[in-house]
Every structure is written in C-alpha cells, then in structure tokens.
Amino acid sequence: MIFKRAPHEGIDYLAHVITDSVNAGFIPAAQRLGLSIVLLTDQVEAHRQYFNQVGFPAYPNEIVACDVFNPLAVIETITCRAETPAAIFSNSDHLQTSTAIVADYFDLSRKN
C-alpha cells in the first residue's frame, strides 16, 4: 500500500531568532495570500512567548520545535506531519543551506 502525503497551502518557515521582518512582514503577507504558516524553530519557547502577545498583524498557524540547523532533523519533523508544505523558507543567512537541502528533498523551489 502506498501512502501519499497531502500537500497543504502553506509555507514551513525555518527560524532561529525572532525577527521583525518575518513577524511583521512575511507572515502577514503570506496569510493575506491565504497561506498558512508553520514556524519551525529551535527556540520554540521564545517564539511562543513572543506570539503570545496581542496586537500583531498576524500569527503563525503553528509553532513546531525542530533543530533548524540540521536539515535531517527538519526533514524528519516535516515528514512526521500529515501535510507537505507548498514551500520551505527562511530569511536567515545561517539557515540557507538547511533550507535548500530540505526544499530539494521535498522537490520544492530552492536556492542553488
């Protein structure tokens, strides 16, 4: 029996530190386009505490703990979820390699 993972209309975003460009720019813009955002981070408690505040233009749909510097850990985390993202994204220079490897694994657009 072959199990096919369901795609979702969303983006998995890899984040280490909290950044205004993502939280006040990227997340609201993606959600205005109707995309859900799953935030994968190794700083899950810091991100949950940050997004526990009121008044932001948008919030991630979900925050998931993951070693974002390890592409194999990111692949495992995404693979354990029910849906495959439509895109993998990070604006961190330190996470570009991990992001590109994960996107390649899921056959998504990536940086070369």
N, C-alpha and C. Protein backbone atom coordinates (compact mmCIF):
# COMPACT_ATOMS: atom_id res chain seq x y z
N MET A 1 0.83 -1.16 0.00
CA MET A 1 0.00 0.00 0.00
C MET A 1 0.89 1.24 0.00
N ILE A 2 0.59 2.20 -0.85
CA ILE A 2 1.35 3.44 -0.93
C ILE A 2 0.55 4.55 -0.26
N PHE A 3 1.21 5.25 0.65
CA PHE A 3 0.57 6.38 1.31
C PHE A 3 1.10 7.65 0.68
N LYS A 4 0.21 8.49 0.25
CA LYS A 4 0.61 9.77 -0.33
C LYS A 4 0.31 10.86 0.67
N ARG A 5 1.31 11.67 0.95
CA ARG A 5 1.13 12.78 1.90
C ARG A 5 0.36 13.89 1.23
N ALA A 6 -0.53 14.48 1.98
CA ALA A 6 -1.36 15.56 1.44
C ALA A 6 -0.55 16.86 1.42
N PRO A 7 -0.56 17.59 0.31
CA PRO A 7 0.07 18.91 0.30
C PRO A 7 -0.84 19.90 1.02
N HIS A 8 -0.26 20.95 1.54
CA HIS A 8 -1.11 22.00 2.11
C HIS A 8 -0.74 23.33 1.51
N GLU A 9 -1.69 24.22 1.54
CA GLU A 9 -1.45 25.55 1.00
C GLU A 9 -0.76 26.38 2.07
N GLY A 10 0.47 26.07 2.30
CA GLY A 10 1.19 26.77 3.33
C GLY A 10 2.68 26.71 3.14
N ILE A 11 3.33 27.43 4.02
CA ILE A 11 4.79 27.55 3.97
C ILE A 11 5.34 27.13 5.33
N ASP A 12 6.35 26.29 5.31
CA ASP A 12 7.08 25.99 6.53
C ASP A 12 8.25 26.96 6.57
N TYR A 13 8.29 27.74 7.62
CA TYR A 13 9.31 28.78 7.77
C TYR A 13 10.31 28.35 8.83
N LEU A 14 11.60 28.30 8.48
CA LEU A 14 12.66 27.96 9.43
C LEU A 14 13.17 29.24 10.09
N ALA A 15 13.16 29.25 11.42
CA ALA A 15 13.60 30.44 12.15
C ALA A 15 14.42 30.04 13.37
N HIS A 16 15.42 30.83 13.64
CA HIS A 16 16.21 30.66 14.86
C HIS A 16 15.86 31.78 15.83
N VAL A 17 16.12 33.00 15.44
CA VAL A 17 15.81 34.14 16.30
C VAL A 17 14.53 34.83 15.82
N ILE A 18 13.95 35.60 16.70
CA ILE A 18 12.75 36.36 16.38
C ILE A 18 13.16 37.59 15.58
N THR A 19 12.52 37.82 14.42
CA THR A 19 12.85 38.97 13.59
C THR A 19 11.59 39.70 13.16
N ASP A 20 11.65 41.02 13.18
CA ASP A 20 10.51 41.84 12.75
C ASP A 20 10.20 41.66 11.27
N SER A 21 11.23 41.47 10.46
CA SER A 21 10.99 41.33 9.02
C SER A 21 10.10 40.12 8.72
N VAL A 22 10.23 39.08 9.50
CA VAL A 22 9.39 37.90 9.32
C VAL A 22 8.05 38.09 10.01
N ASN A 23 8.09 38.48 11.26
CA ASN A 23 6.87 38.52 12.07
C ASN A 23 5.92 39.65 11.67
N ALA A 24 6.44 40.79 11.25
CA ALA A 24 5.59 41.91 10.87
C ALA A 24 5.48 42.07 9.36
N GLY A 25 6.30 41.33 8.60
CA GLY A 25 6.29 41.45 7.15
C GLY A 25 5.86 40.19 6.45
N PHE A 26 6.70 39.16 6.55
CA PHE A 26 6.48 37.93 5.80
C PHE A 26 5.21 37.18 6.23
N ILE A 27 5.04 36.95 7.52
CA ILE A 27 3.88 36.18 7.99
C ILE A 27 2.56 36.85 7.62
N PRO A 28 2.39 38.16 7.88
CA PRO A 28 1.13 38.79 7.45
C PRO A 28 0.93 38.76 5.93
N ALA A 29 2.00 38.95 5.16
CA ALA A 29 1.87 38.93 3.69
C ALA A 29 1.45 37.55 3.21
N ALA A 30 2.04 36.51 3.75
CA ALA A 30 1.68 35.15 3.35
C ALA A 30 0.24 34.83 3.72
N GLN A 31 -0.18 35.27 4.88
CA GLN A 31 -1.55 34.98 5.29
C GLN A 31 -2.57 35.78 4.49
N ARG A 32 -2.20 36.98 4.05
CA ARG A 32 -3.09 37.75 3.16
C ARG A 32 -3.30 37.02 1.83
N LEU A 33 -2.31 36.22 1.45
CA LEU A 33 -2.42 35.41 0.23
C LEU A 33 -3.16 34.10 0.48
N GLY A 34 -3.61 33.89 1.70
CA GLY A 34 -4.34 32.68 2.03
C GLY A 34 -3.47 31.49 2.40
N LEU A 35 -2.20 31.73 2.66
CA LEU A 35 -1.27 30.66 3.01
C LEU A 35 -1.18 30.50 4.53
N SER A 36 -1.10 29.27 4.98
CA SER A 36 -0.86 29.03 6.40
C SER A 36 0.65 29.00 6.63
N ILE A 37 1.05 29.35 7.83
CA ILE A 37 2.47 29.39 8.18
C ILE A 37 2.73 28.44 9.35
N VAL A 38 3.65 27.51 9.13
CA VAL A 38 4.14 26.66 10.20
C VAL A 38 5.57 27.13 10.49
N LEU A 39 5.79 27.58 11.70
CA LEU A 39 7.10 28.09 12.10
C LEU A 39 7.88 26.96 12.76
N LEU A 40 8.97 26.52 12.11
CA LEU A 40 9.86 25.51 12.67
C LEU A 40 11.03 26.24 13.31
N THR A 41 11.30 25.97 14.59
CA THR A 41 12.33 26.71 15.29
C THR A 41 12.98 25.89 16.40
N ASP A 42 14.24 26.19 16.66
CA ASP A 42 14.93 25.60 17.79
C ASP A 42 14.76 26.46 19.04
N GLN A 43 14.06 27.56 18.91
CA GLN A 43 13.78 28.48 20.02
C GLN A 43 12.26 28.57 20.23
N VAL A 44 11.63 27.42 20.36
CA VAL A 44 10.17 27.35 20.37
C VAL A 44 9.55 28.16 21.52
N GLU A 45 10.11 28.09 22.70
CA GLU A 45 9.52 28.82 23.83
C GLU A 45 9.62 30.33 23.64
N ALA A 46 10.74 30.80 23.11
CA ALA A 46 10.89 32.24 22.85
C ALA A 46 9.87 32.71 21.82
N HIS A 47 9.66 31.92 20.76
CA HIS A 47 8.68 32.28 19.74
C HIS A 47 7.26 32.21 20.28
N ARG A 48 6.96 31.20 21.08
CA ARG A 48 5.61 31.11 21.67
C ARG A 48 5.35 32.28 22.60
N GLN A 49 6.33 32.63 23.39
CA GLN A 49 6.18 33.77 24.30
C GLN A 49 5.98 35.06 23.50
N TYR A 50 6.77 35.24 22.46
CA TYR A 50 6.65 36.43 21.61
C TYR A 50 5.25 36.52 20.99
N PHE A 51 4.78 35.42 20.40
CA PHE A 51 3.49 35.42 19.73
C PHE A 51 2.32 35.30 20.70
N ASN A 52 2.59 35.18 21.99
CA ASN A 52 1.53 35.17 22.98
C ASN A 52 1.01 36.58 23.24
N GLN A 53 1.72 37.58 22.74
CA GLN A 53 1.30 38.97 22.88
C GLN A 53 0.15 39.27 21.90
N VAL A 54 -0.65 40.27 22.24
CA VAL A 54 -1.74 40.67 21.35
C VAL A 54 -1.29 41.86 20.51
N GLY A 55 -1.99 42.05 19.39
CA GLY A 55 -1.75 43.23 18.58
C GLY A 55 -0.89 43.05 17.36
N PHE A 56 -0.42 41.84 17.08
CA PHE A 56 0.36 41.62 15.87
C PHE A 56 -0.56 41.56 14.65
N PRO A 57 -0.05 41.92 13.48
CA PRO A 57 -0.89 41.86 12.28
C PRO A 57 -1.24 40.42 11.88
N ALA A 58 -0.44 39.44 12.32
CA ALA A 58 -0.70 38.03 12.01
C ALA A 58 0.12 37.16 12.95
N TYR A 59 -0.30 35.93 13.06
CA TYR A 59 0.38 34.95 13.90
C TYR A 59 0.59 33.68 13.09
N PRO A 60 1.67 32.95 13.37
CA PRO A 60 1.83 31.67 12.66
C PRO A 60 0.69 30.73 13.06
N ASN A 61 0.30 29.85 12.14
CA ASN A 61 -0.75 28.90 12.45
C ASN A 61 -0.27 27.86 13.46
N GLU A 62 1.03 27.60 13.44
CA GLU A 62 1.59 26.61 14.35
C GLU A 62 3.07 26.90 14.55
N ILE A 63 3.57 26.63 15.76
CA ILE A 63 4.99 26.73 16.07
C ILE A 63 5.46 25.35 16.49
N VAL A 64 6.47 24.82 15.79
CA VAL A 64 6.93 23.45 16.00
C VAL A 64 8.41 23.45 16.37
N ALA A 65 8.75 22.69 17.40
CA ALA A 65 10.14 22.55 17.82
C ALA A 65 10.92 21.70 16.83
N CYS A 66 12.12 22.19 16.46
CA CYS A 66 12.93 21.48 15.47
C CYS A 66 14.35 22.05 15.49
N ASP A 67 15.34 21.19 15.31
CA ASP A 67 16.72 21.65 15.17
C ASP A 67 16.89 22.17 13.74
N VAL A 68 16.63 23.44 13.54
CA VAL A 68 16.60 24.02 12.20
C VAL A 68 17.96 24.09 11.52
N PHE A 69 19.03 23.92 12.27
CA PHE A 69 20.37 23.93 11.69
C PHE A 69 20.75 22.56 11.11
N ASN A 70 19.95 21.55 11.40
CA ASN A 70 20.20 20.19 10.94
C ASN A 70 19.14 19.82 9.90
N PRO A 71 19.49 19.80 8.62
CA PRO A 71 18.49 19.51 7.60
C PRO A 71 17.81 18.16 7.76
N LEU A 72 18.53 17.17 8.29
CA LEU A 72 17.91 15.86 8.51
C LEU A 72 16.83 15.94 9.58
N ALA A 73 17.06 16.74 10.60
CA ALA A 73 16.05 16.93 11.65
C ALA A 73 14.82 17.66 11.09
N VAL A 74 15.05 18.62 10.21
CA VAL A 74 13.94 19.35 9.60
C VAL A 74 13.13 18.41 8.70
N ILE A 75 13.82 17.61 7.91
CA ILE A 75 13.14 16.64 7.04
C ILE A 75 12.31 15.67 7.89
N GLU A 76 12.90 15.19 8.97
CA GLU A 76 12.17 14.27 9.85
C GLU A 76 10.94 14.94 10.46
N THR A 77 11.09 16.17 10.92
CA THR A 77 9.97 16.89 11.52
C THR A 77 8.84 17.07 10.51
N ILE A 78 9.18 17.47 9.30
CA ILE A 78 8.15 17.68 8.28
C ILE A 78 7.53 16.35 7.86
N THR A 79 8.36 15.33 7.73
CA THR A 79 7.87 14.01 7.32
C THR A 79 6.89 13.43 8.34
N CYS A 80 7.09 13.74 9.61
CA CYS A 80 6.20 13.24 10.66
C CYS A 80 4.86 13.96 10.70
N ARG A 81 4.74 15.02 9.95
CA ARG A 81 3.49 15.78 9.92
C ARG A 81 2.59 15.23 8.82
N ALA A 82 1.31 15.51 8.90
CA ALA A 82 0.33 14.96 7.95
C ALA A 82 0.43 15.59 6.57
N GLU A 83 0.91 16.82 6.50
CA GLU A 83 0.90 17.55 5.22
C GLU A 83 2.30 17.99 4.83
N THR A 84 2.54 18.00 3.54
CA THR A 84 3.79 18.51 2.99
C THR A 84 3.59 19.98 2.63
N PRO A 85 4.53 20.85 2.99
CA PRO A 85 4.36 22.27 2.68
C PRO A 85 4.48 22.55 1.18
N ALA A 86 3.87 23.65 0.77
CA ALA A 86 4.00 24.10 -0.62
C ALA A 86 5.35 24.77 -0.84
N ALA A 87 5.98 25.23 0.26
CA ALA A 87 7.28 25.91 0.18
C ALA A 87 7.98 25.82 1.53
N ILE A 88 9.30 25.90 1.47
CA ILE A 88 10.16 25.98 2.65
C ILE A 88 10.90 27.30 2.53
N PHE A 89 10.95 28.08 3.61
CA PHE A 89 11.52 29.41 3.53
C PHE A 89 12.27 29.76 4.80
N SER A 90 13.31 30.58 4.66
CA SER A 90 13.99 31.21 5.78
C SER A 90 14.67 32.47 5.26
N ASN A 91 14.68 33.51 6.07
CA ASN A 91 15.41 34.70 5.66
C ASN A 91 16.76 34.81 6.38
N SER A 92 17.13 33.77 7.12
CA SER A 92 18.39 33.76 7.85
C SER A 92 19.52 33.24 6.97
N ASP A 93 20.59 33.99 6.88
CA ASP A 93 21.77 33.53 6.14
C ASP A 93 22.29 32.21 6.72
N HIS A 94 22.17 32.04 8.02
CA HIS A 94 22.68 30.85 8.69
C HIS A 94 21.85 29.60 8.40
N LEU A 95 20.63 29.78 7.92
CA LEU A 95 19.75 28.65 7.66
C LEU A 95 19.53 28.37 6.18
N GLN A 96 20.21 29.10 5.30
CA GLN A 96 20.00 28.92 3.86
C GLN A 96 20.38 27.53 3.38
N THR A 97 21.47 26.97 3.88
CA THR A 97 21.88 25.64 3.45
C THR A 97 20.86 24.60 3.89
N SER A 98 20.48 24.66 5.14
CA SER A 98 19.47 23.74 5.66
C SER A 98 18.17 23.86 4.88
N THR A 99 17.75 25.09 4.63
CA THR A 99 16.51 25.34 3.89
C THR A 99 16.59 24.77 2.48
N ALA A 100 17.70 24.97 1.79
CA ALA A 100 17.86 24.47 0.42
C ALA A 100 17.87 22.95 0.37
N ILE A 101 18.54 22.31 1.30
CA ILE A 101 18.58 20.84 1.33
C ILE A 101 17.19 20.27 1.57
N VAL A 102 16.46 20.85 2.51
CA VAL A 102 15.10 20.38 2.81
C VAL A 102 14.18 20.60 1.61
N ALA A 103 14.25 21.76 1.00
CA ALA A 103 13.41 22.03 -0.18
C ALA A 103 13.73 21.05 -1.30
N ASP A 104 15.01 20.76 -1.51
CA ASP A 104 15.41 19.79 -2.53
C ASP A 104 14.81 18.41 -2.22
N TYR A 105 14.87 18.00 -0.97
CA TYR A 105 14.33 16.70 -0.57
C TYR A 105 12.84 16.58 -0.91
N PHE A 106 12.09 17.66 -0.69
CA PHE A 106 10.65 17.66 -0.96
C PHE A 106 10.32 18.12 -2.39
N ASP A 107 11.36 18.30 -3.21
CA ASP A 107 11.20 18.70 -4.61
C ASP A 107 10.46 20.05 -4.73
N LEU A 108 10.87 20.99 -3.89
CA LEU A 108 10.31 22.34 -3.90
C LEU A 108 11.35 23.31 -4.45
N SER A 109 10.92 24.49 -4.81
CA SER A 109 11.85 25.54 -5.28
C SER A 109 12.88 25.80 -4.19
N ARG A 110 14.12 26.08 -4.63
CA ARG A 110 15.20 26.29 -3.66
C ARG A 110 16.30 27.12 -4.28
N LYS A 111 17.17 27.58 -3.39
CA LYS A 111 18.38 28.28 -3.80
C LYS A 111 19.41 27.25 -4.23
N ASN A 112 20.16 27.53 -5.26
CA ASN A 112 21.23 26.61 -5.68
C ASN A 112 22.53 27.01 -5.05
